[in-house]
All heavy atoms as atom14 arrays in JSON, in Angstrom:
{
  "sequence": "GEVSVAVDECRVQVEFVMAAVSDGAEVILAYEPVWAIGAAQPAAAEYV",
  "atom14_mask": [
    [1, 1, 1, 1, 0, 0, 0, 0, 0, 0, 0, 0, 0, 0],
    [1, 1, 1, 1, 1, 1, 1, 1, 1, 0, 0, 0, 0, 0],
    [1, 1, 1, 1, 1, 1, 1, 0, 0, 0, 0, 0, 0, 0],
    [1, 1, 1, 1, 1, 1, 0, 0, 0, 0, 0, 0, 0, 0],
    [1, 1, 1, 1, 1, 1, 1, 0, 0, 0, 0, 0, 0, 0],
    [1, 1, 1, 1, 1, 0, 0, 0, 0, 0, 0, 0, 0, 0],
    [1, 1, 1, 1, 1, 1, 1, 0, 0, 0, 0, 0, 0, 0],
    [1, 1, 1, 1, 1, 1, 1, 1, 0, 0, 0, 0, 0, 0],
    [1, 1, 1, 1, 1, 1, 1, 1, 1, 0, 0, 0, 0, 0],
    [1, 1, 1, 1, 1, 1, 0, 0, 0, 0, 0, 0, 0, 0],
    [1, 1, 1, 1, 1, 1, 1, 1, 1, 1, 1, 0, 0, 0],
    [1, 1, 1, 1, 1, 1, 1, 0, 0, 0, 0, 0, 0, 0],
    [1, 1, 1, 1, 1, 1, 1, 1, 1, 0, 0, 0, 0, 0],
    [1, 1, 1, 1, 1, 1, 1, 0, 0, 0, 0, 0, 0, 0],
    [1, 1, 1, 1, 1, 1, 1, 1, 1, 0, 0, 0, 0, 0],
    [1, 1, 1, 1, 1, 1, 1, 1, 1, 1, 1, 0, 0, 0],
    [1, 1, 1, 1, 1, 1, 1, 0, 0, 0, 0, 0, 0, 0],
    [1, 1, 1, 1, 1, 1, 1, 1, 0, 0, 0, 0, 0, 0],
    [1, 1, 1, 1, 1, 0, 0, 0, 0, 0, 0, 0, 0, 0],
    [1, 1, 1, 1, 1, 0, 0, 0, 0, 0, 0, 0, 0, 0],
    [1, 1, 1, 1, 1, 1, 1, 0, 0, 0, 0, 0, 0, 0],
    [1, 1, 1, 1, 1, 1, 0, 0, 0, 0, 0, 0, 0, 0],
    [1, 1, 1, 1, 1, 1, 1, 1, 0, 0, 0, 0, 0, 0],
    [1, 1, 1, 1, 0, 0, 0, 0, 0, 0, 0, 0, 0, 0],
    [1, 1, 1, 1, 1, 0, 0, 0, 0, 0, 0, 0, 0, 0],
    [1, 1, 1, 1, 1, 1, 1, 1, 1, 0, 0, 0, 0, 0],
    [1, 1, 1, 1, 1, 1, 1, 0, 0, 0, 0, 0, 0, 0],
    [1, 1, 1, 1, 1, 1, 1, 1, 0, 0, 0, 0, 0, 0],
    [1, 1, 1, 1, 1, 1, 1, 1, 0, 0, 0, 0, 0, 0],
    [1, 1, 1, 1, 1, 0, 0, 0, 0, 0, 0, 0, 0, 0],
    [1, 1, 1, 1, 1, 1, 1, 1, 1, 1, 1, 1, 0, 0],
    [1, 1, 1, 1, 1, 1, 1, 1, 1, 0, 0, 0, 0, 0],
    [1, 1, 1, 1, 1, 1, 1, 0, 0, 0, 0, 0, 0, 0],
    [1, 1, 1, 1, 1, 1, 1, 0, 0, 0, 0, 0, 0, 0],
    [1, 1, 1, 1, 1, 1, 1, 1, 1, 1, 1, 1, 1, 1],
    [1, 1, 1, 1, 1, 0, 0, 0, 0, 0, 0, 0, 0, 0],
    [1, 1, 1, 1, 1, 1, 1, 1, 0, 0, 0, 0, 0, 0],
    [1, 1, 1, 1, 0, 0, 0, 0, 0, 0, 0, 0, 0, 0],
    [1, 1, 1, 1, 1, 0, 0, 0, 0, 0, 0, 0, 0, 0],
    [1, 1, 1, 1, 1, 0, 0, 0, 0, 0, 0, 0, 0, 0],
    [1, 1, 1, 1, 1, 1, 1, 1, 1, 0, 0, 0, 0, 0],
    [1, 1, 1, 1, 1, 1, 1, 0, 0, 0, 0, 0, 0, 0],
    [1, 1, 1, 1, 1, 0, 0, 0, 0, 0, 0, 0, 0, 0],
    [1, 1, 1, 1, 1, 0, 0, 0, 0, 0, 0, 0, 0, 0],
    [1, 1, 1, 1, 1, 0, 0, 0, 0, 0, 0, 0, 0, 0],
    [1, 1, 1, 1, 1, 1, 1, 1, 1, 0, 0, 0, 0, 0],
    [1, 1, 1, 1, 1, 1, 1, 1, 1, 1, 1, 1, 0, 0],
    [1, 1, 1, 1, 1, 1, 1, 0, 0, 0, 0, 0, 0, 0]
  ],
  "atom14_positions": [
    [[12.69, -1.3, 3.12], [13.11, -1.29, 4.48], [12.22, -2.26, 5.31], [11.9, -3.34, 4.8], [0.0, 0.0, 0.0], [0.0, 0.0, 0.0], [0.0, 0.0, 0.0], [0.0, 0.0, 0.0], [0.0, 0.0, 0.0], [0.0, 0.0, 0.0], [0.0, 0.0, 0.0], [0.0, 0.0, 0.0], [0.0, 0.0, 0.0], [0.0, 0.0, 0.0]],
    [[12.0, -1.88, 6.5], [11.2, -2.76, 7.41], [9.7, -2.75, 7.08], [9.19, -1.72, 6.64], [11.39, -2.29, 8.87], [12.87, -2.38, 9.37], [13.36, -3.8, 9.4], [12.56, -4.77, 9.76], [14.57, -4.07, 9.11], [0.0, 0.0, 0.0], [0.0, 0.0, 0.0], [0.0, 0.0, 0.0], [0.0, 0.0, 0.0], [0.0, 0.0, 0.0]],
    [[9.06, -3.86, 7.41], [7.62, -3.99, 7.15], [6.86, -2.86, 7.88], [5.92, -2.25, 7.4], [7.11, -5.38, 7.53], [5.58, -5.4, 7.64], [7.63, -6.43, 6.62], [0.0, 0.0, 0.0], [0.0, 0.0, 0.0], [0.0, 0.0, 0.0], [0.0, 0.0, 0.0], [0.0, 0.0, 0.0], [0.0, 0.0, 0.0], [0.0, 0.0, 0.0]],
    [[7.24, -2.66, 9.15], [6.55, -1.69, 9.96], [6.61, -0.25, 9.37], [5.65, 0.51, 9.41], [7.07, -1.67, 11.37], [8.52, -1.37, 11.37], [0.0, 0.0, 0.0], [0.0, 0.0, 0.0], [0.0, 0.0, 0.0], [0.0, 0.0, 0.0], [0.0, 0.0, 0.0], [0.0, 0.0, 0.0], [0.0, 0.0, 0.0], [0.0, 0.0, 0.0]],
    [[7.74, 0.05, 8.8], [7.92, 1.36, 8.16], [7.07, 1.47, 6.9], [6.37, 2.5, 6.68], [9.45, 1.58, 7.8], [9.55, 2.9, 7.05], [10.31, 1.63, 8.99], [0.0, 0.0, 0.0], [0.0, 0.0, 0.0], [0.0, 0.0, 0.0], [0.0, 0.0, 0.0], [0.0, 0.0, 0.0], [0.0, 0.0, 0.0], [0.0, 0.0, 0.0]],
    [[6.94, 0.42, 6.15], [6.11, 0.38, 4.97], [4.67, 0.52, 5.34], [3.91, 1.3, 4.69], [6.26, -0.95, 4.2], [0.0, 0.0, 0.0], [0.0, 0.0, 0.0], [0.0, 0.0, 0.0], [0.0, 0.0, 0.0], [0.0, 0.0, 0.0], [0.0, 0.0, 0.0], [0.0, 0.0, 0.0], [0.0, 0.0, 0.0], [0.0, 0.0, 0.0]],
    [[4.25, -0.16, 6.35], [2.86, -0.1, 6.83], [2.48, 1.32, 7.36], [1.49, 1.92, 7.0], [2.53, -1.09, 7.89], [1.12, -0.92, 8.5], [2.71, -2.49, 7.37], [0.0, 0.0, 0.0], [0.0, 0.0, 0.0], [0.0, 0.0, 0.0], [0.0, 0.0, 0.0], [0.0, 0.0, 0.0], [0.0, 0.0, 0.0], [0.0, 0.0, 0.0]],
    [[3.39, 1.91, 8.05], [3.22, 3.27, 8.59], [3.04, 4.31, 7.42], [2.13, 5.18, 7.45], [4.34, 3.71, 9.47], [4.24, 3.05, 10.87], [3.2, 2.51, 11.2], [5.32, 3.05, 11.53], [0.0, 0.0, 0.0], [0.0, 0.0, 0.0], [0.0, 0.0, 0.0], [0.0, 0.0, 0.0], [0.0, 0.0, 0.0], [0.0, 0.0, 0.0]],
    [[3.83, 4.11, 6.38], [3.79, 5.05, 5.24], [2.46, 4.83, 4.44], [1.79, 5.78, 4.03], [4.96, 4.84, 4.29], [5.15, 5.93, 3.26], [6.42, 5.85, 2.52], [7.4, 5.28, 3.07], [6.51, 6.39, 1.39], [0.0, 0.0, 0.0], [0.0, 0.0, 0.0], [0.0, 0.0, 0.0], [0.0, 0.0, 0.0], [0.0, 0.0, 0.0]],
    [[2.11, 3.55, 4.28], [0.9, 3.24, 3.54], [-0.39, 3.59, 4.29], [-1.4, 3.99, 3.71], [0.83, 1.79, 3.18], [2.11, 1.27, 1.95], [0.0, 0.0, 0.0], [0.0, 0.0, 0.0], [0.0, 0.0, 0.0], [0.0, 0.0, 0.0], [0.0, 0.0, 0.0], [0.0, 0.0, 0.0], [0.0, 0.0, 0.0], [0.0, 0.0, 0.0]],
    [[-0.32, 3.48, 5.67], [-1.48, 3.79, 6.48], [-2.03, 5.18, 6.21], [-3.22, 5.4, 6.09], [-1.15, 3.61, 7.98], [-2.32, 3.95, 8.86], [-1.88, 4.0, 10.33], [-1.66, 2.68, 10.86], [-0.47, 2.32, 11.24], [0.6, 3.17, 11.1], [-0.27, 1.07, 11.73], [0.0, 0.0, 0.0], [0.0, 0.0, 0.0], [0.0, 0.0, 0.0]],
    [[-1.09, 6.11, 6.13], [-1.5, 7.52, 5.94], [-2.27, 7.6, 4.59], [-3.35, 8.25, 4.52], [-0.29, 8.45, 5.92], [-0.7, 9.84, 5.6], [0.45, 8.42, 7.24], [0.0, 0.0, 0.0], [0.0, 0.0, 0.0], [0.0, 0.0, 0.0], [0.0, 0.0, 0.0], [0.0, 0.0, 0.0], [0.0, 0.0, 0.0], [0.0, 0.0, 0.0]],
    [[-1.78, 6.95, 3.6], [-2.46, 7.02, 2.24], [-3.8, 6.38, 2.3], [-4.77, 6.93, 1.77], [-1.54, 6.28, 1.23], [-0.12, 6.88, 1.1], [0.83, 5.95, 0.38], [0.46, 5.3, -0.61], [2.02, 5.85, 0.87], [0.0, 0.0, 0.0], [0.0, 0.0, 0.0], [0.0, 0.0, 0.0], [0.0, 0.0, 0.0], [0.0, 0.0, 0.0]],
    [[-3.96, 5.25, 2.98], [-5.19, 4.52, 3.09], [-6.24, 5.33, 3.93], [-7.37, 5.43, 3.53], [-4.99, 3.13, 3.7], [-6.34, 2.44, 3.96], [-4.06, 2.31, 2.81], [0.0, 0.0, 0.0], [0.0, 0.0, 0.0], [0.0, 0.0, 0.0], [0.0, 0.0, 0.0], [0.0, 0.0, 0.0], [0.0, 0.0, 0.0], [0.0, 0.0, 0.0]],
    [[-5.76, 5.93, 5.02], [-6.7, 6.65, 5.86], [-7.22, 7.89, 5.19], [-8.4, 8.16, 5.31], [-5.92, 7.09, 7.14], [-5.74, 5.89, 8.07], [-4.94, 6.21, 9.34], [-4.34, 7.24, 9.39], [-4.93, 5.38, 10.26], [0.0, 0.0, 0.0], [0.0, 0.0, 0.0], [0.0, 0.0, 0.0], [0.0, 0.0, 0.0], [0.0, 0.0, 0.0]],
    [[-6.43, 8.52, 4.33], [-6.97, 9.66, 3.54], [-8.09, 9.23, 2.64], [-9.15, 9.87, 2.58], [-5.88, 10.28, 2.66], [-5.11, 11.47, 3.2], [-3.81, 11.37, 3.76], [-5.78, 12.64, 3.37], [-3.18, 12.51, 4.27], [-5.15, 13.77, 3.92], [-3.82, 13.7, 4.38], [0.0, 0.0, 0.0], [0.0, 0.0, 0.0], [0.0, 0.0, 0.0]],
    [[-7.89, 8.1, 1.99], [-8.88, 7.6, 1.04], [-10.17, 7.14, 1.74], [-11.25, 7.53, 1.35], [-8.39, 6.42, 0.2], [-9.46, 5.76, -0.61], [-7.23, 6.93, -0.71], [0.0, 0.0, 0.0], [0.0, 0.0, 0.0], [0.0, 0.0, 0.0], [0.0, 0.0, 0.0], [0.0, 0.0, 0.0], [0.0, 0.0, 0.0], [0.0, 0.0, 0.0]],
    [[-9.97, 6.39, 2.81], [-11.19, 5.87, 3.54], [-11.96, 6.96, 4.18], [-13.25, 6.86, 4.37], [-10.79, 4.79, 4.49], [-10.11, 3.59, 3.87], [-11.04, 2.91, 2.4], [-10.07, 1.46, 2.07], [0.0, 0.0, 0.0], [0.0, 0.0, 0.0], [0.0, 0.0, 0.0], [0.0, 0.0, 0.0], [0.0, 0.0, 0.0], [0.0, 0.0, 0.0]],
    [[-11.34, 8.03, 4.57], [-12.06, 9.17, 5.17], [-12.86, 9.95, 4.14], [-13.84, 10.56, 4.47], [-11.04, 10.17, 5.87], [0.0, 0.0, 0.0], [0.0, 0.0, 0.0], [0.0, 0.0, 0.0], [0.0, 0.0, 0.0], [0.0, 0.0, 0.0], [0.0, 0.0, 0.0], [0.0, 0.0, 0.0], [0.0, 0.0, 0.0], [0.0, 0.0, 0.0]],
    [[-12.43, 9.86, 2.9], [-13.08, 10.61, 1.85], [-14.2, 9.84, 1.11], [-15.23, 10.4, 0.73], [-12.03, 11.11, 0.8], [0.0, 0.0, 0.0], [0.0, 0.0, 0.0], [0.0, 0.0, 0.0], [0.0, 0.0, 0.0], [0.0, 0.0, 0.0], [0.0, 0.0, 0.0], [0.0, 0.0, 0.0], [0.0, 0.0, 0.0], [0.0, 0.0, 0.0]],
    [[-14.01, 8.55, 1.0], [-14.96, 7.71, 0.19], [-16.12, 7.26, 1.11], [-15.89, 6.93, 2.33], [-14.24, 6.47, -0.38], [-15.21, 5.52, -1.06], [-13.15, 6.95, -1.36], [0.0, 0.0, 0.0], [0.0, 0.0, 0.0], [0.0, 0.0, 0.0], [0.0, 0.0, 0.0], [0.0, 0.0, 0.0], [0.0, 0.0, 0.0], [0.0, 0.0, 0.0]],
    [[-17.33, 7.23, 0.59], [-18.48, 6.77, 1.41], [-18.27, 5.35, 1.93], [-17.62, 4.53, 1.27], [-19.73, 6.84, 0.55], [-19.63, 5.99, -0.56], [0.0, 0.0, 0.0], [0.0, 0.0, 0.0], [0.0, 0.0, 0.0], [0.0, 0.0, 0.0], [0.0, 0.0, 0.0], [0.0, 0.0, 0.0], [0.0, 0.0, 0.0], [0.0, 0.0, 0.0]],
    [[-18.72, 5.12, 3.1], [-18.49, 3.88, 3.83], [-18.92, 2.63, 3.08], [-18.34, 1.57, 3.19], [-19.18, 3.91, 5.18], [-18.72, 2.81, 6.06], [-17.47, 2.64, 6.36], [-19.57, 1.96, 6.5], [0.0, 0.0, 0.0], [0.0, 0.0, 0.0], [0.0, 0.0, 0.0], [0.0, 0.0, 0.0], [0.0, 0.0, 0.0], [0.0, 0.0, 0.0]],
    [[-19.98, 2.76, 2.26], [-20.53, 1.58, 1.56], [-19.93, 1.4, 0.21], [-20.23, 0.34, -0.4], [0.0, 0.0, 0.0], [0.0, 0.0, 0.0], [0.0, 0.0, 0.0], [0.0, 0.0, 0.0], [0.0, 0.0, 0.0], [0.0, 0.0, 0.0], [0.0, 0.0, 0.0], [0.0, 0.0, 0.0], [0.0, 0.0, 0.0], [0.0, 0.0, 0.0]],
    [[-19.04, 2.31, -0.28], [-18.51, 2.13, -1.63], [-17.44, 1.08, -1.68], [-16.64, 0.93, -0.7], [-17.96, 3.49, -2.1], [0.0, 0.0, 0.0], [0.0, 0.0, 0.0], [0.0, 0.0, 0.0], [0.0, 0.0, 0.0], [0.0, 0.0, 0.0], [0.0, 0.0, 0.0], [0.0, 0.0, 0.0], [0.0, 0.0, 0.0], [0.0, 0.0, 0.0]],
    [[-17.35, 0.36, -2.8], [-16.25, -0.58, -2.95], [-14.94, 0.21, -3.24], [-14.95, 1.19, -3.98], [-16.55, -1.56, -4.09], [-15.37, -2.5, -4.35], [-15.64, -3.61, -5.41], [-16.76, -3.68, -5.88], [-14.67, -4.34, -5.64], [0.0, 0.0, 0.0], [0.0, 0.0, 0.0], [0.0, 0.0, 0.0], [0.0, 0.0, 0.0], [0.0, 0.0, 0.0]],
    [[-13.87, -0.24, -2.68], [-12.57, 0.3, -2.91], [-11.61, -0.81, -3.22], [-11.58, -1.89, -2.58], [-12.05, 1.12, -1.69], [-10.65, 1.6, -1.88], [-12.99, 2.25, -1.41], [0.0, 0.0, 0.0], [0.0, 0.0, 0.0], [0.0, 0.0, 0.0], [0.0, 0.0, 0.0], [0.0, 0.0, 0.0], [0.0, 0.0, 0.0], [0.0, 0.0, 0.0]],
    [[-10.66, -0.53, -4.21], [-9.57, -1.49, -4.46], [-8.3, -0.76, -4.13], [-8.03, 0.36, -4.57], [-9.54, -1.91, -5.95], [-10.83, -2.63, -6.36], [-8.38, -2.84, -6.21], [-10.98, -2.82, -7.85], [0.0, 0.0, 0.0], [0.0, 0.0, 0.0], [0.0, 0.0, 0.0], [0.0, 0.0, 0.0], [0.0, 0.0, 0.0], [0.0, 0.0, 0.0]],
    [[-7.5, -1.41, -3.27], [-6.21, -0.86, -2.94], [-5.08, -1.65, -3.65], [-5.12, -2.88, -3.56], [-5.87, -0.92, -1.42], [-6.84, -0.13, -0.53], [-6.53, -0.45, 0.92], [-6.8, 1.31, -0.77], [0.0, 0.0, 0.0], [0.0, 0.0, 0.0], [0.0, 0.0, 0.0], [0.0, 0.0, 0.0], [0.0, 0.0, 0.0], [0.0, 0.0, 0.0]],
    [[-4.3, -0.98, -4.49], [-3.19, -1.65, -5.21], [-1.89, -1.36, -4.46], [-1.39, -0.22, -4.58], [-3.15, -1.19, -6.61], [0.0, 0.0, 0.0], [0.0, 0.0, 0.0], [0.0, 0.0, 0.0], [0.0, 0.0, 0.0], [0.0, 0.0, 0.0], [0.0, 0.0, 0.0], [0.0, 0.0, 0.0], [0.0, 0.0, 0.0], [0.0, 0.0, 0.0]],
    [[-1.41, -2.3, -3.68], [-0.12, -2.13, -2.97], [0.96, -2.33, -3.96], [1.26, -3.36, -4.45], [-0.05, -3.12, -1.81], [1.33, -3.07, -1.16], [1.85, -1.88, -0.66], [2.03, -4.25, -0.99], [3.13, -1.84, -0.11], [3.3, -4.22, -0.43], [3.83, -3.03, 0.05], [5.06, -2.96, 0.63], [0.0, 0.0, 0.0], [0.0, 0.0, 0.0]],
    [[1.67, -1.2, -4.23], [2.81, -1.16, -5.14], [3.98, -0.49, -4.47], [4.07, 0.76, -4.47], [2.46, -0.43, -6.45], [1.32, -1.04, -7.18], [1.07, -0.37, -8.53], [1.2, 0.9, -8.61], [0.78, -1.05, -9.52], [0.0, 0.0, 0.0], [0.0, 0.0, 0.0], [0.0, 0.0, 0.0], [0.0, 0.0, 0.0], [0.0, 0.0, 0.0]],
    [[4.88, -1.2, -3.87], [6.09, -0.55, -3.31], [6.77, 0.24, -4.45], [7.06, -0.33, -5.49], [6.95, -1.69, -2.87], [6.01, -2.89, -2.73], [4.95, -2.7, -3.76], [0.0, 0.0, 0.0], [0.0, 0.0, 0.0], [0.0, 0.0, 0.0], [0.0, 0.0, 0.0], [0.0, 0.0, 0.0], [0.0, 0.0, 0.0], [0.0, 0.0, 0.0]],
    [[6.9, 1.5, -4.2], [7.48, 2.35, -5.28], [8.83, 1.85, -5.74], [9.11, 1.92, -6.97], [7.55, 3.85, -4.81], [8.21, 4.76, -5.84], [6.22, 4.36, -4.41], [0.0, 0.0, 0.0], [0.0, 0.0, 0.0], [0.0, 0.0, 0.0], [0.0, 0.0, 0.0], [0.0, 0.0, 0.0], [0.0, 0.0, 0.0], [0.0, 0.0, 0.0]],
    [[9.62, 1.36, -4.88], [10.95, 0.9, -5.24], [10.92, -0.4, -6.07], [11.89, -0.79, -6.68], [11.8, 0.63, -4.02], [11.11, -0.24, -2.95], [10.39, 0.16, -1.88], [11.15, -1.7, -2.85], [9.93, -0.91, -1.13], [10.39, -2.07, -1.74], [11.72, -2.69, -3.58], [10.24, -3.37, -1.34], [11.57, -4.0, -3.23], [10.82, -4.3, -2.11]],
    [[9.72, -1.07, -6.1], [9.59, -2.32, -6.88], [8.97, -2.15, -8.28], [9.01, -3.0, -9.06], [8.73, -3.38, -6.1], [0.0, 0.0, 0.0], [0.0, 0.0, 0.0], [0.0, 0.0, 0.0], [0.0, 0.0, 0.0], [0.0, 0.0, 0.0], [0.0, 0.0, 0.0], [0.0, 0.0, 0.0], [0.0, 0.0, 0.0], [0.0, 0.0, 0.0]],
    [[8.44, -0.94, -8.48], [7.74, -0.7, -9.83], [8.78, -0.65, -10.91], [9.8, 0.09, -10.86], [7.01, 0.68, -9.81], [5.92, 0.59, -8.74], [6.42, 0.98, -11.14], [5.17, 1.92, -8.52], [0.0, 0.0, 0.0], [0.0, 0.0, 0.0], [0.0, 0.0, 0.0], [0.0, 0.0, 0.0], [0.0, 0.0, 0.0], [0.0, 0.0, 0.0]],
    [[8.68, -1.53, -11.93], [9.6, -1.58, -13.0], [10.94, -2.37, -12.69], [11.73, -2.42, -13.54], [0.0, 0.0, 0.0], [0.0, 0.0, 0.0], [0.0, 0.0, 0.0], [0.0, 0.0, 0.0], [0.0, 0.0, 0.0], [0.0, 0.0, 0.0], [0.0, 0.0, 0.0], [0.0, 0.0, 0.0], [0.0, 0.0, 0.0], [0.0, 0.0, 0.0]],
    [[10.95, -2.91, -11.47], [12.23, -3.61, -11.08], [12.21, -4.99, -11.78], [11.22, -5.44, -12.26], [12.24, -3.74, -9.6], [0.0, 0.0, 0.0], [0.0, 0.0, 0.0], [0.0, 0.0, 0.0], [0.0, 0.0, 0.0], [0.0, 0.0, 0.0], [0.0, 0.0, 0.0], [0.0, 0.0, 0.0], [0.0, 0.0, 0.0], [0.0, 0.0, 0.0]],
    [[13.38, -5.61, -11.79], [13.51, -6.88, -12.41], [12.82, -7.97, -11.68], [12.29, -8.93, -12.28], [15.02, -7.25, -12.46], [0.0, 0.0, 0.0], [0.0, 0.0, 0.0], [0.0, 0.0, 0.0], [0.0, 0.0, 0.0], [0.0, 0.0, 0.0], [0.0, 0.0, 0.0], [0.0, 0.0, 0.0], [0.0, 0.0, 0.0], [0.0, 0.0, 0.0]],
    [[12.64, -7.81, -10.37], [11.97, -8.73, -9.55], [11.01, -8.09, -8.61], [11.22, -6.95, -8.18], [12.99, -9.6, -8.66], [14.01, -10.41, -9.43], [13.31, -11.49, -10.2], [12.33, -12.07, -9.74], [13.83, -11.94, -11.33], [0.0, 0.0, 0.0], [0.0, 0.0, 0.0], [0.0, 0.0, 0.0], [0.0, 0.0, 0.0], [0.0, 0.0, 0.0]],
    [[9.88, -8.72, -8.29], [8.95, -8.12, -7.28], [9.5, -8.14, -5.85], [10.58, -8.72, -5.68], [7.73, -9.05, -7.41], [8.31, -10.37, -7.84], [9.47, -10.06, -8.75], [0.0, 0.0, 0.0], [0.0, 0.0, 0.0], [0.0, 0.0, 0.0], [0.0, 0.0, 0.0], [0.0, 0.0, 0.0], [0.0, 0.0, 0.0], [0.0, 0.0, 0.0]],
    [[8.84, -7.5, -5.02], [9.27, -7.53, -3.64], [9.1, -8.97, -3.11], [8.36, -9.77, -3.66], [8.36, -6.62, -2.75], [0.0, 0.0, 0.0], [0.0, 0.0, 0.0], [0.0, 0.0, 0.0], [0.0, 0.0, 0.0], [0.0, 0.0, 0.0], [0.0, 0.0, 0.0], [0.0, 0.0, 0.0], [0.0, 0.0, 0.0], [0.0, 0.0, 0.0]],
    [[9.85, -9.31, -2.06], [9.83, -10.72, -1.54], [8.39, -10.98, -1.1], [7.78, -10.2, -0.52], [10.79, -10.8, -0.34], [0.0, 0.0, 0.0], [0.0, 0.0, 0.0], [0.0, 0.0, 0.0], [0.0, 0.0, 0.0], [0.0, 0.0, 0.0], [0.0, 0.0, 0.0], [0.0, 0.0, 0.0], [0.0, 0.0, 0.0], [0.0, 0.0, 0.0]],
    [[7.97, -12.25, -1.33], [6.62, -12.69, -1.02], [6.24, -12.52, 0.39], [5.18, -12.02, 0.75], [6.41, -14.12, -1.52], [0.0, 0.0, 0.0], [0.0, 0.0, 0.0], [0.0, 0.0, 0.0], [0.0, 0.0, 0.0], [0.0, 0.0, 0.0], [0.0, 0.0, 0.0], [0.0, 0.0, 0.0], [0.0, 0.0, 0.0], [0.0, 0.0, 0.0]],
    [[7.2, -12.9, 1.25], [6.85, -12.81, 2.73], [6.69, -11.36, 3.16], [5.78, -11.08, 3.97], [8.05, -13.38, 3.57], [8.31, -14.87, 3.26], [9.12, -15.18, 1.99], [9.49, -14.16, 1.38], [9.29, -16.31, 1.68], [0.0, 0.0, 0.0], [0.0, 0.0, 0.0], [0.0, 0.0, 0.0], [0.0, 0.0, 0.0], [0.0, 0.0, 0.0]],
    [[7.43, -10.44, 2.54], [7.3, -9.07, 2.84], [5.97, -8.53, 2.37], [5.27, -7.84, 3.15], [8.43, -8.3, 2.12], [8.48, -6.78, 2.3], [9.2, -6.21, 3.27], [7.8, -5.99, 1.35], [9.24, -4.81, 3.44], [7.84, -4.61, 1.48], [8.55, -4.05, 2.48], [8.63, -2.65, 2.61], [0.0, 0.0, 0.0], [0.0, 0.0, 0.0]],
    [[5.58, -8.88, 1.22], [4.31, -8.33, 0.64], [3.18, -8.88, 1.43], [2.16, -8.13, 1.79], [4.17, -8.77, -0.86], [2.74, -8.45, -1.35], [5.23, -8.14, -1.72], [0.0, 0.0, 0.0], [0.0, 0.0, 0.0], [0.0, 0.0, 0.0], [0.0, 0.0, 0.0], [0.0, 0.0, 0.0], [0.0, 0.0, 0.0], [0.0, 0.0, 0.0]]
  ]
}
């Protein structure tokens, strides 16, 4: 859908993690639109 909707959904996930992990720890976030996992093509570059 829209970028803003994707960001709002992902923000909740990120905020949960950052609130739990110590501030100085390294974190890797893997942005994987669920609808694009296993799809023939990745999400559009501009969208990502």
